[in-house]
Amino acid sequence: MKIKYSSNKLEKQLTTPKELSKKFGTMAKKVAQRISELKAAETLEDMRSLPAANCHELKGNKKGKLAVDISANYRLIFEPCQNPIPQKEDGGMEWILITEIEIITTEDYH
């Protein structure tokens, strides 16, 4: 899958080992693993086969975005880059057609 980043600063934090370790400490390895998994996936649907990632659509004020687990509460948040976003008839995203995402942030939103 093709990955973009919402800012150059975020890209540096998530792709440079030194910055990754500085920002995330003990979670750095898990963050790097999730990004590797996203890159390796052909489509977002492939992420469903990784139970530990727990890839899921968000609700409420984060509707239209998705997340993967980094830790019990911490998430890597992203959204599809395609325009229009592939949709199912029920309104959910058509994951098998999503091949490009933009990582927006990492946060504990619980």
PDB file of N, CA and C in Angstrom:
ATOM      1  N   MET A   1       0.848  -1.166   0.000  1.00  0.00           N
ATOM      2  CA  MET A   1       0.000   0.000   0.000  1.00  0.00           C
ATOM      3  C   MET A   1       0.896   1.233   0.000  1.00  0.00           C
ATOM      4  N   LYS A   2       0.455   2.250  -0.671  1.00  0.00           N
ATOM      5  CA  LYS A   2       1.194   3.502  -0.709  1.00  0.00           C
ATOM      6  C   LYS A   2       0.835   4.327   0.534  1.00  0.00           C
ATOM      7  N   ILE A   3       1.866   4.874   1.182  1.00  0.00           N
ATOM      8  CA  ILE A   3       1.645   5.645   2.405  1.00  0.00           C
ATOM      9  C   ILE A   3       2.161   7.065   2.233  1.00  0.00           C
ATOM     10  N   LYS A   4       1.311   8.013   2.607  1.00  0.00           N
ATOM     11  CA  LYS A   4       1.680   9.423   2.675  1.00  0.00           C
ATOM     12  C   LYS A   4       1.602   9.836   4.144  1.00  0.00           C
ATOM     13  N   TYR A   5       2.130  11.008   4.443  1.00  0.00           N
ATOM     14  CA  TYR A   5       2.115  11.523   5.812  1.00  0.00           C
ATOM     15  C   TYR A   5       1.538  12.931   5.800  1.00  0.00           C
ATOM     16  N   SER A   6       0.827  13.297   6.871  1.00  0.00           N
ATOM     17  CA  SER A   6       0.164  14.599   6.917  1.00  0.00           C
ATOM     18  C   SER A   6       1.147  15.754   7.021  1.00  0.00           C
ATOM     19  N   SER A   7       2.386  15.477   7.438  1.00  0.00           N
ATOM     20  CA  SER A   7       3.406  16.523   7.513  1.00  0.00           C
ATOM     21  C   SER A   7       4.790  15.899   7.382  1.00  0.00           C
ATOM     22  N   ASN A   8       5.755  16.725   7.014  1.00  0.00           N
ATOM     23  CA  ASN A   8       7.138  16.258   6.935  1.00  0.00           C
ATOM     24  C   ASN A   8       7.656  15.858   8.316  1.00  0.00           C
ATOM     25  N   LYS A   9       7.233  16.598   9.341  1.00  0.00           N
ATOM     26  CA  LYS A   9       7.652  16.300  10.705  1.00  0.00           C
ATOM     27  C   LYS A   9       7.170  14.906  11.118  1.00  0.00           C
ATOM     28  N   LEU A  10       5.912  14.591  10.829  1.00  0.00           N
ATOM     29  CA  LEU A  10       5.361  13.287  11.173  1.00  0.00           C
ATOM     30  C   LEU A  10       6.083  12.178  10.407  1.00  0.00           C
ATOM     31  N   GLU A  11       6.353  12.412   9.126  1.00  0.00           N
ATOM     32  CA  GLU A  11       7.066  11.423   8.325  1.00  0.00           C
ATOM     33  C   GLU A  11       8.439  11.127   8.936  1.00  0.00           C
ATOM     34  N   LYS A  12       9.139  12.174   9.347  1.00  0.00           N
ATOM     35  CA  LYS A  12      10.468  12.005   9.953  1.00  0.00           C
ATOM     36  C   LYS A  12      10.363  11.226  11.260  1.00  0.00           C
ATOM     37  N   GLN A  13       9.360  11.552  12.085  1.00  0.00           N
ATOM     38  CA  GLN A  13       9.175  10.865  13.360  1.00  0.00           C
ATOM     39  C   GLN A  13       8.888   9.376  13.175  1.00  0.00           C
ATOM     40  N   LEU A  14       8.161   9.041  12.098  1.00  0.00           N
ATOM     41  CA  LEU A  14       7.727   7.662  11.889  1.00  0.00           C
ATOM     42  C   LEU A  14       8.660   6.833  11.016  1.00  0.00           C
ATOM     43  N   THR A  15       9.612   7.461  10.344  1.00  0.00           N
ATOM     44  CA  THR A  15      10.462   6.708   9.421  1.00  0.00           C
ATOM     45  C   THR A  15      11.954   6.756   9.758  1.00  0.00           C
ATOM     46  N   THR A  16      12.358   7.640  10.640  1.00  0.00           N
ATOM     47  CA  THR A  16      13.760   7.745  11.038  1.00  0.00           C
ATOM     48  C   THR A  16      13.929   7.020  12.374  1.00  0.00           C
ATOM     49  N   PRO A  17      14.754   5.964  12.417  1.00  0.00           N
ATOM     50  CA  PRO A  17      14.897   5.195  13.663  1.00  0.00           C
ATOM     51  C   PRO A  17      15.195   6.030  14.900  1.00  0.00           C
ATOM     52  N   LYS A  18      16.081   6.997  14.788  1.00  0.00           N
ATOM     53  CA  LYS A  18      16.436   7.836  15.941  1.00  0.00           C
ATOM     54  C   LYS A  18      15.224   8.646  16.420  1.00  0.00           C
ATOM     55  N   GLU A  19      14.503   9.261  15.459  1.00  0.00           N
ATOM     56  CA  GLU A  19      13.323  10.061  15.815  1.00  0.00           C
ATOM     57  C   GLU A  19      12.205   9.184  16.354  1.00  0.00           C
ATOM     58  N   LEU A  20      12.056   8.003  15.779  1.00  0.00           N
ATOM     59  CA  LEU A  20      11.034   7.051  16.211  1.00  0.00           C
ATOM     60  C   LEU A  20      11.263   6.668  17.674  1.00  0.00           C
ATOM     61  N   SER A  21      12.511   6.372  18.003  1.00  0.00           N
ATOM     62  CA  SER A  21      12.864   5.995  19.368  1.00  0.00           C
ATOM     63  C   SER A  21      12.687   7.166  20.333  1.00  0.00           C
ATOM     64  N   LYS A  22      13.065   8.354  19.880  1.00  0.00           N
ATOM     65  CA  LYS A  22      12.955   9.567  20.699  1.00  0.00           C
ATOM     66  C   LYS A  22      11.491   9.880  21.024  1.00  0.00           C
ATOM     67  N   LYS A  23      10.621   9.751  20.024  1.00  0.00           N
ATOM     68  CA  LYS A  23       9.200  10.092  20.195  1.00  0.00           C
ATOM     69  C   LYS A  23       8.418   9.003  20.926  1.00  0.00           C
ATOM     70  N   PHE A  24       8.690   7.732  20.624  1.00  0.00           N
ATOM     71  CA  PHE A  24       7.845   6.655  21.124  1.00  0.00           C
ATOM     72  C   PHE A  24       8.478   5.753  22.174  1.00  0.00           C
ATOM     73  N   GLY A  25       9.760   5.897  22.417  1.00  0.00           N
ATOM     74  CA  GLY A  25      10.414   5.099  23.451  1.00  0.00           C
ATOM     75  C   GLY A  25      10.197   3.612  23.258  1.00  0.00           C
ATOM     76  N   THR A  26       9.617   2.959  24.272  1.00  0.00           N
ATOM     77  CA  THR A  26       9.416   1.512  24.221  1.00  0.00           C
ATOM     78  C   THR A  26       8.410   1.076  23.162  1.00  0.00           C
ATOM     79  N   MET A  27       7.586   1.981  22.671  1.00  0.00           N
ATOM     80  CA  MET A  27       6.603   1.648  21.631  1.00  0.00           C
ATOM     81  C   MET A  27       7.179   1.781  20.219  1.00  0.00           C
ATOM     82  N   ALA A  28       8.394   2.268  20.073  1.00  0.00           N
ATOM     83  CA  ALA A  28       8.983   2.532  18.755  1.00  0.00           C
ATOM     84  C   ALA A  28       8.981   1.303  17.861  1.00  0.00           C
ATOM     85  N   LYS A  29       9.336   0.159  18.418  1.00  0.00           N
ATOM     86  CA  LYS A  29       9.382  -1.074  17.625  1.00  0.00           C
ATOM     87  C   LYS A  29       7.997  -1.425  17.089  1.00  0.00           C
ATOM     88  N   LYS A  30       6.968  -1.259  17.910  1.00  0.00           N
ATOM     89  CA  LYS A  30       5.594  -1.579  17.495  1.00  0.00           C
ATOM     90  C   LYS A  30       5.105  -0.595  16.434  1.00  0.00           C
ATOM     91  N   VAL A  31       5.450   0.674  16.561  1.00  0.00           N
ATOM     92  CA  VAL A  31       5.073   1.677  15.563  1.00  0.00           C
ATOM     93  C   VAL A  31       5.709   1.314  14.215  1.00  0.00           C
ATOM     94  N   ALA A  32       6.997   1.011  14.237  1.00  0.00           N
ATOM     95  CA  ALA A  32       7.705   0.627  13.010  1.00  0.00           C
ATOM     96  C   ALA A  32       7.091  -0.629  12.399  1.00  0.00           C
ATOM     97  N   GLN A  33       6.696  -1.568  13.239  1.00  0.00           N
ATOM     98  CA  GLN A  33       6.075  -2.802  12.755  1.00  0.00           C
ATOM     99  C   GLN A  33       4.753  -2.502  12.053  1.00  0.00           C
ATOM    100  N   ARG A  34       3.925  -1.654  12.641  1.00  0.00           N
ATOM    101  CA  ARG A  34       2.628  -1.331  12.032  1.00  0.00           C
ATOM    102  C   ARG A  34       2.818  -0.626  10.677  1.00  0.00           C
ATOM    103  N   ILE A  35       3.777   0.272  10.602  1.00  0.00           N
ATOM    104  CA  ILE A  35       4.032   0.960   9.330  1.00  0.00           C
ATOM    105  C   ILE A  35       4.519  -0.039   8.290  1.00  0.00           C
ATOM    106  N   SER A  36       5.367  -0.961   8.679  1.00  0.00           N
ATOM    107  CA  SER A  36       5.840  -2.006   7.760  1.00  0.00           C
ATOM    108  C   SER A  36       4.680  -2.870   7.280  1.00  0.00           C
ATOM    109  N   GLU A  37       3.782  -3.203   8.181  1.00  0.00           N
ATOM    110  CA  GLU A  37       2.617  -4.016   7.808  1.00  0.00           C
ATOM    111  C   GLU A  37       1.724  -3.274   6.829  1.00  0.00           C
ATOM    112  N   LEU A  38       1.519  -1.987   7.070  1.00  0.00           N
ATOM    113  CA  LEU A  38       0.693  -1.192   6.150  1.00  0.00           C
ATOM    114  C   LEU A  38       1.349  -1.110   4.771  1.00  0.00           C
ATOM    115  N   LYS A  39       2.661  -0.894   4.735  1.00  0.00           N
ATOM    116  CA  LYS A  39       3.375  -0.819   3.460  1.00  0.00           C
ATOM    117  C   LYS A  39       3.307  -2.144   2.703  1.00  0.00           C
ATOM    118  N   ALA A  40       3.393  -3.252   3.420  1.00  0.00           N
ATOM    119  CA  ALA A  40       3.404  -4.574   2.806  1.00  0.00           C
ATOM    120  C   ALA A  40       2.030  -4.996   2.287  1.00  0.00           C
ATOM    121  N   ALA A  41       0.982  -4.432   2.836  1.00  0.00           N
ATOM    122  CA  ALA A  41      -0.379  -4.786   2.414  1.00  0.00           C
ATOM    123  C   ALA A  41      -0.651  -4.266   1.004  1.00  0.00           C
ATOM    124  N   GLU A  42      -1.280  -5.103   0.178  1.00  0.00           N
ATOM    125  CA  GLU A  42      -1.672  -4.645  -1.158  1.00  0.00           C
ATOM    126  C   GLU A  42      -2.861  -3.701  -1.053  1.00  0.00           C
ATOM    127  N   THR A  43      -3.813  -4.070  -0.196  1.00  0.00           N
ATOM    128  CA  THR A  43      -4.990  -3.240   0.045  1.00  0.00           C
ATOM    129  C   THR A  43      -5.238  -3.196   1.552  1.00  0.00           C
ATOM    130  N   LEU A  44      -6.108  -2.321   1.974  1.00  0.00           N
ATOM    131  CA  LEU A  44      -6.429  -2.219   3.391  1.00  0.00           C
ATOM    132  C   LEU A  44      -7.059  -3.513   3.898  1.00  0.00           C
ATOM    133  N   GLU A  45      -7.734  -4.231   3.039  1.00  0.00           N
ATOM    134  CA  GLU A  45      -8.359  -5.508   3.412  1.00  0.00           C
ATOM    135  C   GLU A  45      -7.327  -6.483   3.997  1.00  0.00           C
ATOM    136  N   ASP A  46      -6.091  -6.434   3.526  1.00  0.00           N
ATOM    137  CA  ASP A  46      -5.043  -7.323   4.026  1.00  0.00           C
ATOM    138  C   ASP A  46      -4.781  -7.114   5.517  1.00  0.00           C
ATOM    139  N   MET A  47      -5.083  -5.944   6.023  1.00  0.00           N
ATOM    140  CA  MET A  47      -4.840  -5.653   7.439  1.00  0.00           C
ATOM    141  C   MET A  47      -5.811  -6.418   8.340  1.00  0.00           C
ATOM    142  N   ARG A  48      -6.924  -6.867   7.803  1.00  0.00           N
ATOM    143  CA  ARG A  48      -7.891  -7.651   8.605  1.00  0.00           C
ATOM    144  C   ARG A  48      -7.296  -8.986   9.042  1.00  0.00           C
ATOM    145  N   SER A  49      -6.320  -9.500   8.304  1.00  0.00           N
ATOM    146  CA  SER A  49      -5.724 -10.793   8.635  1.00  0.00           C
ATOM    147  C   SER A  49      -4.674 -10.682   9.740  1.00  0.00           C
ATOM    148  N   LEU A  50      -4.465  -9.491  10.262  1.00  0.00           N
ATOM    149  CA  LEU A  50      -3.509  -9.262  11.352  1.00  0.00           C
ATOM    150  C   LEU A  50      -4.267  -8.868  12.621  1.00  0.00           C
ATOM    151  N   PRO A  51      -4.732  -9.846  13.387  1.00  0.00           N
ATOM    152  CA  PRO A  51      -5.554  -9.536  14.567  1.00  0.00           C
ATOM    153  C   PRO A  51      -4.892  -8.568  15.545  1.00  0.00           C
ATOM    154  N   ALA A  52      -3.576  -8.652  15.718  1.00  0.00           N
ATOM    155  CA  ALA A  52      -2.894  -7.772  16.676  1.00  0.00           C
ATOM    156  C   ALA A  52      -2.962  -6.306  16.255  1.00  0.00           C
ATOM    157  N   ALA A  53      -3.059  -6.059  14.947  1.00  0.00           N
ATOM    158  CA  ALA A  53      -3.139  -4.675  14.465  1.00  0.00           C
ATOM    159  C   ALA A  53      -4.508  -4.072  14.763  1.00  0.00           C
ATOM    160  N   ASN A  54      -5.542  -4.907  14.795  1.00  0.00           N
ATOM    161  CA  ASN A  54      -6.903  -4.450  15.072  1.00  0.00           C
ATOM    162  C   ASN A  54      -7.280  -3.226  14.225  1.00  0.00           C
ATOM    163  N   CYS A  55      -7.085  -3.318  12.930  1.00  0.00           N
ATOM    164  CA  CYS A  55      -7.420  -2.211  12.029  1.00  0.00           C
ATOM    165  C   CYS A  55      -8.938  -2.013  12.049  1.00  0.00           C
ATOM    166  N   HIS A  56      -9.365  -0.778  12.285  1.00  0.00           N
ATOM    167  CA  HIS A  56     -10.795  -0.514  12.397  1.00  0.00           C
ATOM    168  C   HIS A  56     -11.142   0.911  11.985  1.00  0.00           C
ATOM    169  N   GLU A  57     -12.404   1.053  11.523  1.00  0.00           N
ATOM    170  CA  GLU A  57     -12.920   2.378  11.172  1.00  0.00           C
ATOM    171  C   GLU A  57     -13.314   3.089  12.460  1.00  0.00           C
ATOM    172  N   LEU A  58     -13.103   4.385  12.477  1.00  0.00           N
ATOM    173  CA  LEU A  58     -13.442   5.184  13.652  1.00  0.00           C
ATOM    174  C   LEU A  58     -14.825   5.786  13.505  1.00  0.00           C
ATOM    175  N   LYS A  59     -15.388   6.189  14.621  1.00  0.00           N
ATOM    176  CA  LYS A  59     -16.750   6.740  14.654  1.00  0.00           C
ATOM    177  C   LYS A  59     -16.726   8.148  15.231  1.00  0.00           C
ATOM    178  N   GLY A  60     -17.892   8.745  15.291  1.00  0.00           N
ATOM    179  CA  GLY A  60     -18.042  10.064  15.905  1.00  0.00           C
ATOM    180  C   GLY A  60     -17.296  11.139  15.140  1.00  0.00           C
ATOM    181  N   ASN A  61     -16.542  11.984  15.850  1.00  0.00           N
ATOM    182  CA  ASN A  61     -15.842  13.093  15.201  1.00  0.00           C
ATOM    183  C   ASN A  61     -14.629  12.624  14.389  1.00  0.00           C
ATOM    184  N   LYS A  62     -14.312  11.329  14.457  1.00  0.00           N
ATOM    185  CA  LYS A  62     -13.207  10.770  13.663  1.00  0.00           C
ATOM    186  C   LYS A  62     -13.741   9.884  12.522  1.00  0.00           C
ATOM    187  N   LYS A  63     -15.027  10.008  12.227  1.00  0.00           N
ATOM    188  CA  LYS A  63     -15.628   9.219  11.147  1.00  0.00           C
ATOM    189  C   LYS A  63     -14.887   9.496   9.839  1.00  0.00           C
ATOM    190  N   GLY A  64     -14.647   8.429   9.068  1.00  0.00           N
ATOM    191  CA  GLY A  64     -13.906   8.563   7.817  1.00  0.00           C
ATOM    192  C   GLY A  64     -12.426   8.261   7.979  1.00  0.00           C
ATOM    193  N   LYS A  65     -12.012   8.071   9.228  1.00  0.00           N
ATOM    194  CA  LYS A  65     -10.617   7.734   9.512  1.00  0.00           C
ATOM    195  C   LYS A  65     -10.559   6.292  10.021  1.00  0.00           C
ATOM    196  N   LEU A  66      -9.357   5.734  10.014  1.00  0.00           N
ATOM    197  CA  LEU A  66      -9.136   4.382  10.516  1.00  0.00           C
ATOM    198  C   LEU A  66      -7.978   4.399  11.492  1.00  0.00           C
ATOM    199  N   ALA A  67      -7.824   3.291  12.221  1.00  0.00           N
ATOM    200  CA  ALA A  67      -6.725   3.200  13.183  1.00  0.00           C
ATOM    201  C   ALA A  67      -6.224   1.770  13.274  1.00  0.00           C
ATOM    202  N   VAL A  68      -4.957   1.634  13.635  1.00  0.00           N
ATOM    203  CA  VAL A  68      -4.379   0.352  14.015  1.00  0.00           C
ATOM    204  C   VAL A  68      -3.798   0.521  15.408  1.00  0.00           C
ATOM    205  N   ASP A  69      -3.823  -0.556  16.173  1.00  0.00           N
ATOM    206  CA  ASP A  69      -3.318  -0.527  17.547  1.00  0.00           C
ATOM    207  C   ASP A  69      -1.796  -0.499  17.580  1.00  0.00           C
ATOM    208  N   ILE A  70      -1.273   0.324  18.457  1.00  0.00           N
ATOM    209  CA  ILE A  70       0.157   0.336  18.761  1.00  0.00           C
ATOM    210  C   ILE A  70       0.351  -0.275  20.150  1.00  0.00           C
ATOM    211  N   SER A  71      -0.540   0.080  21.065  1.00  0.00           N
ATOM    212  CA  SER A  71      -0.533  -0.476  22.420  1.00  0.00           C
ATOM    213  C   SER A  71      -1.994  -0.576  22.859  1.00  0.00           C
ATOM    214  N   ALA A  72      -2.214  -0.852  24.138  1.00  0.00           N
ATOM    215  CA  ALA A  72      -3.586  -0.992  24.630  1.00  0.00           C
ATOM    216  C   ALA A  72      -4.448   0.237  24.335  1.00  0.00           C
ATOM    217  N   ASN A  73      -3.886   1.415  24.462  1.00  0.00           N
ATOM    218  CA  ASN A  73      -4.660   2.640  24.225  1.00  0.00           C
ATOM    219  C   ASN A  73      -4.158   3.474  23.050  1.00  0.00           C
ATOM    220  N   TYR A  74      -2.935   3.290  22.620  1.00  0.00           N
ATOM    221  CA  TYR A  74      -2.314   4.145  21.610  1.00  0.00           C
ATOM    222  C   TYR A  74      -2.618   3.640  20.199  1.00  0.00           C
ATOM    223  N   ARG A  75      -2.955   4.555  19.285  1.00  0.00           N
ATOM    224  CA  ARG A  75      -3.338   4.200  17.920  1.00  0.00           C
ATOM    225  C   ARG A  75      -2.577   5.025  16.885  1.00  0.00           C
ATOM    226  N   LEU A  76      -2.369   4.413  15.722  1.00  0.00           N
ATOM    227  CA  LEU A  76      -1.843   5.082  14.543  1.00  0.00           C
ATOM    228  C   LEU A  76      -3.077   5.386  13.697  1.00  0.00           C
ATOM    229  N   ILE A  77      -3.359   6.665  13.468  1.00  0.00           N
ATOM    230  CA  ILE A  77      -4.597   7.077  12.796  1.00  0.00           C
ATOM    231  C   ILE A  77      -4.289   7.519  11.373  1.00  0.00           C
ATOM    232  N   PHE A  78      -5.116   7.054  10.433  1.00  0.00           N
ATOM    233  CA  PHE A  78      -4.910   7.364   9.021  1.00  0.00           C
ATOM    234  C   PHE A  78      -6.243   7.421   8.294  1.00  0.00           C
ATOM    235  N   GLU A  79      -6.190   7.879   7.043  1.00  0.00           N
ATOM    236  CA  GLU A  79      -7.390   7.923   6.217  1.00  0.00           C
ATOM    237  C   GLU A  79      -7.027   7.560   4.778  1.00  0.00           C
ATOM    238  N   PRO A  80      -7.996   7.045   4.029  1.00  0.00           N
ATOM    239  CA  PRO A  80      -7.737   6.731   2.626  1.00  0.00           C
ATOM    240  C   PRO A  80      -7.450   8.004   1.842  1.00  0.00           C
ATOM    241  N   CYS A  81      -6.569   7.914   0.843  1.00  0.00           N
ATOM    242  CA  CYS A  81      -6.224   9.077   0.017  1.00  0.00           C
ATOM    243  C   CYS A  81      -7.032   9.121  -1.279  1.00  0.00           C
ATOM    244  N   GLN A  82      -7.721   8.055  -1.589  1.00  0.00           N
ATOM    245  CA  GLN A  82      -8.432   8.003  -2.857  1.00  0.00           C
ATOM    246  C   GLN A  82      -9.616   8.959  -2.868  1.00  0.00           C
ATOM    247  N   ASN A  83      -9.908   9.486  -4.039  1.00  0.00           N
ATOM    248  CA  ASN A  83     -11.012  10.419  -4.176  1.00  0.00           C
ATOM    249  C   ASN A  83     -11.845  10.007  -5.374  1.00  0.00           C
ATOM    250  N   PRO A  84     -13.062   9.561  -5.186  1.00  0.00           N
ATOM    251  CA  PRO A  84     -13.764   9.406  -3.912  1.00  0.00           C
ATOM    252  C   PRO A  84     -13.289   8.159  -3.173  1.00  0.00           C
ATOM    253  N   ILE A  85     -13.559   8.135  -1.877  1.00  0.00           N
ATOM    254  CA  ILE A  85     -13.227   6.976  -1.059  1.00  0.00           C
ATOM    255  C   ILE A  85     -14.194   5.859  -1.434  1.00  0.00           C
ATOM    256  N   PRO A  86     -13.668   4.675  -1.758  1.00  0.00           N
ATOM    257  CA  PRO A  86     -14.561   3.564  -2.121  1.00  0.00           C
ATOM    258  C   PRO A  86     -15.518   3.228  -0.978  1.00  0.00           C
ATOM    259  N   GLN A  87     -16.800   3.207  -1.272  1.00  0.00           N
ATOM    260  CA  GLN A  87     -17.816   2.970  -0.248  1.00  0.00           C
ATOM    261  C   GLN A  87     -18.652   1.730  -0.566  1.00  0.00           C
ATOM    262  N   LYS A  88     -19.081   1.043   0.477  1.00  0.00           N
ATOM    263  CA  LYS A  88     -20.041  -0.051   0.357  1.00  0.00           C
ATOM    264  C   LYS A  88     -21.428   0.560   0.328  1.00  0.00           C
ATOM    265  N   GLU A  89     -22.420  -0.252  -0.022  1.00  0.00           N
ATOM    266  CA  GLU A  89     -23.804   0.240  -0.041  1.00  0.00           C
ATOM    267  C   GLU A  89     -24.276   0.662   1.346  1.00  0.00           C
ATOM    268  N   ASP A  90     -23.760  -0.004   2.398  1.00  0.00           N
ATOM    269  CA  ASP A  90     -24.191   0.326   3.759  1.00  0.00           C
ATOM    270  C   ASP A  90     -23.501   1.574   4.317  1.00  0.00           C
ATOM    271  N   GLY A  91     -22.591   2.180   3.524  1.00  0.00           N
ATOM    272  CA  GLY A  91     -21.926   3.407   3.939  1.00  0.00           C
ATOM    273  C   GLY A  91     -20.524   3.217   4.465  1.00  0.00           C
ATOM    274  N   GLY A  92     -20.147   1.974   4.786  1.00  0.00           N
ATOM    275  CA  GLY A  92     -18.784   1.703   5.249  1.00  0.00           C
ATOM    276  C   GLY A  92     -17.805   1.774   4.094  1.00  0.00           C
ATOM    277  N   MET A  93     -16.536   1.766   4.417  1.00  0.00           N
ATOM    278  CA  MET A  93     -15.495   1.814   3.382  1.00  0.00           C
ATOM    279  C   MET A  93     -15.309   0.438   2.746  1.00  0.00           C
ATOM    280  N   GLU A  94     -15.021   0.441   1.469  1.00  0.00           N
ATOM    281  CA  GLU A  94     -14.735  -0.796   0.728  1.00  0.00           C
ATOM    282  C   GLU A  94     -13.240  -1.051   0.828  1.00  0.00           C
ATOM    283  N   TRP A  95     -12.826  -1.728   1.885  1.00  0.00           N
ATOM    284  CA  TRP A  95     -11.420  -1.900   2.234  1.00  0.00           C
ATOM    285  C   TRP A  95     -10.600  -2.522   1.112  1.00  0.00           C
ATOM    286  N   ILE A  96     -11.183  -3.438   0.367  1.00  0.00           N
ATOM    287  CA  ILE A  96     -10.420  -4.148  -0.662  1.00  0.00           C
ATOM    288  C   ILE A  96     -10.011  -3.229  -1.816  1.00  0.00           C
ATOM    289  N   LEU A  97     -10.639  -2.065  -1.926  1.00  0.00           N
ATOM    290  CA  LEU A  97     -10.318  -1.110  -2.987  1.00  0.00           C
ATOM    291  C   LEU A  97      -9.402   0.021  -2.516  1.00  0.00           C
ATOM    292  N   ILE A  98      -9.078   0.046  -1.247  1.00  0.00           N
ATOM    293  CA  ILE A  98      -8.223   1.111  -0.702  1.00  0.00           C
ATOM    294  C   ILE A  98      -6.759   0.677  -0.788  1.00  0.00           C
ATOM    295  N   THR A  99      -5.987   1.416  -1.592  1.00  0.00           N
ATOM    296  CA  THR A  99      -4.585   1.070  -1.838  1.00  0.00           C
ATOM    297  C   THR A  99      -3.617   2.199  -1.470  1.00  0.00           C
ATOM    298  N   GLU A 100      -4.166   3.301  -0.966  1.00  0.00           N
ATOM    299  CA  GLU A 100      -3.335   4.451  -0.623  1.00  0.00           C
ATOM    300  C   GLU A 100      -3.918   5.138   0.610  1.00  0.00           C
ATOM    301  N   ILE A 101      -3.042   5.393   1.593  1.00  0.00           N
ATOM    302  CA  ILE A 101      -3.497   6.043   2.826  1.00  0.00           C
ATOM    303  C   ILE A 101      -2.585   7.208   3.187  1.00  0.00           C
ATOM    304  N   GLU A 102      -3.108   8.067   4.060  1.00  0.00           N
ATOM    305  CA  GLU A 102      -2.308   9.148   4.627  1.00  0.00           C
ATOM    306  C   GLU A 102      -2.353   9.019   6.141  1.00  0.00           C
ATOM    307  N   ILE A 103      -1.187   8.865   6.748  1.00  0.00           N
ATOM    308  CA  ILE A 103      -1.119   8.794   8.204  1.00  0.00           C
ATOM    309  C   ILE A 103      -1.242  10.212   8.751  1.00  0.00           C
ATOM    310  N   ILE A 104      -2.182  10.387   9.661  1.00  0.00           N
ATOM    311  CA  ILE A 104      -2.516  11.703  10.182  1.00  0.00           C
ATOM    312  C   ILE A 104      -1.823  11.976  11.518  1.00  0.00           C
ATOM    313  N   THR A 105      -1.869  10.999  12.410  1.00  0.00           N
ATOM    314  CA  THR A 105      -1.320  11.213  13.749  1.00  0.00           C
ATOM    315  C   THR A 105      -1.189   9.905  14.497  1.00  0.00           C
ATOM    316  N   THR A 106      -0.574   9.977  15.638  1.00  0.00           N
ATOM    317  CA  THR A 106      -0.589   8.876  16.603  1.00  0.00           C
ATOM    318  C   THR A 106      -1.124   9.484  17.886  1.00  0.00           C
ATOM    319  N   GLU A 107      -2.047   8.765  18.534  1.00  0.00           N
ATOM    320  CA  GLU A 107      -2.601   9.338  19.763  1.00  0.00           C
ATOM    321  C   GLU A 107      -3.294   8.282  20.603  1.00  0.00           C
ATOM    322  N   ASP A 108      -3.498   8.652  21.846  1.00  0.00           N
ATOM    323  CA  ASP A 108      -4.305   7.861  22.778  1.00  0.00           C
ATOM    324  C   ASP A 108      -5.645   8.585  22.851  1.00  0.00           C
ATOM    325  N   TYR A 109      -6.642   8.084  22.125  1.00  0.00           N
ATOM    326  CA  TYR A 109      -7.933   8.781  22.101  1.00  0.00           C
ATOM    327  C   TYR A 109      -8.954   8.143  23.027  1.00  0.00           C
ATOM    328  N   HIS A 110      -8.518   7.268  23.917  1.00  0.00           N
ATOM    329  CA  HIS A 110      -9.441   6.639  24.862  1.00  0.00           C
ATOM    330  C   HIS A 110      -9.540   7.443  26.129  1.00  0.00           C
TER     331      HIS A 110
END
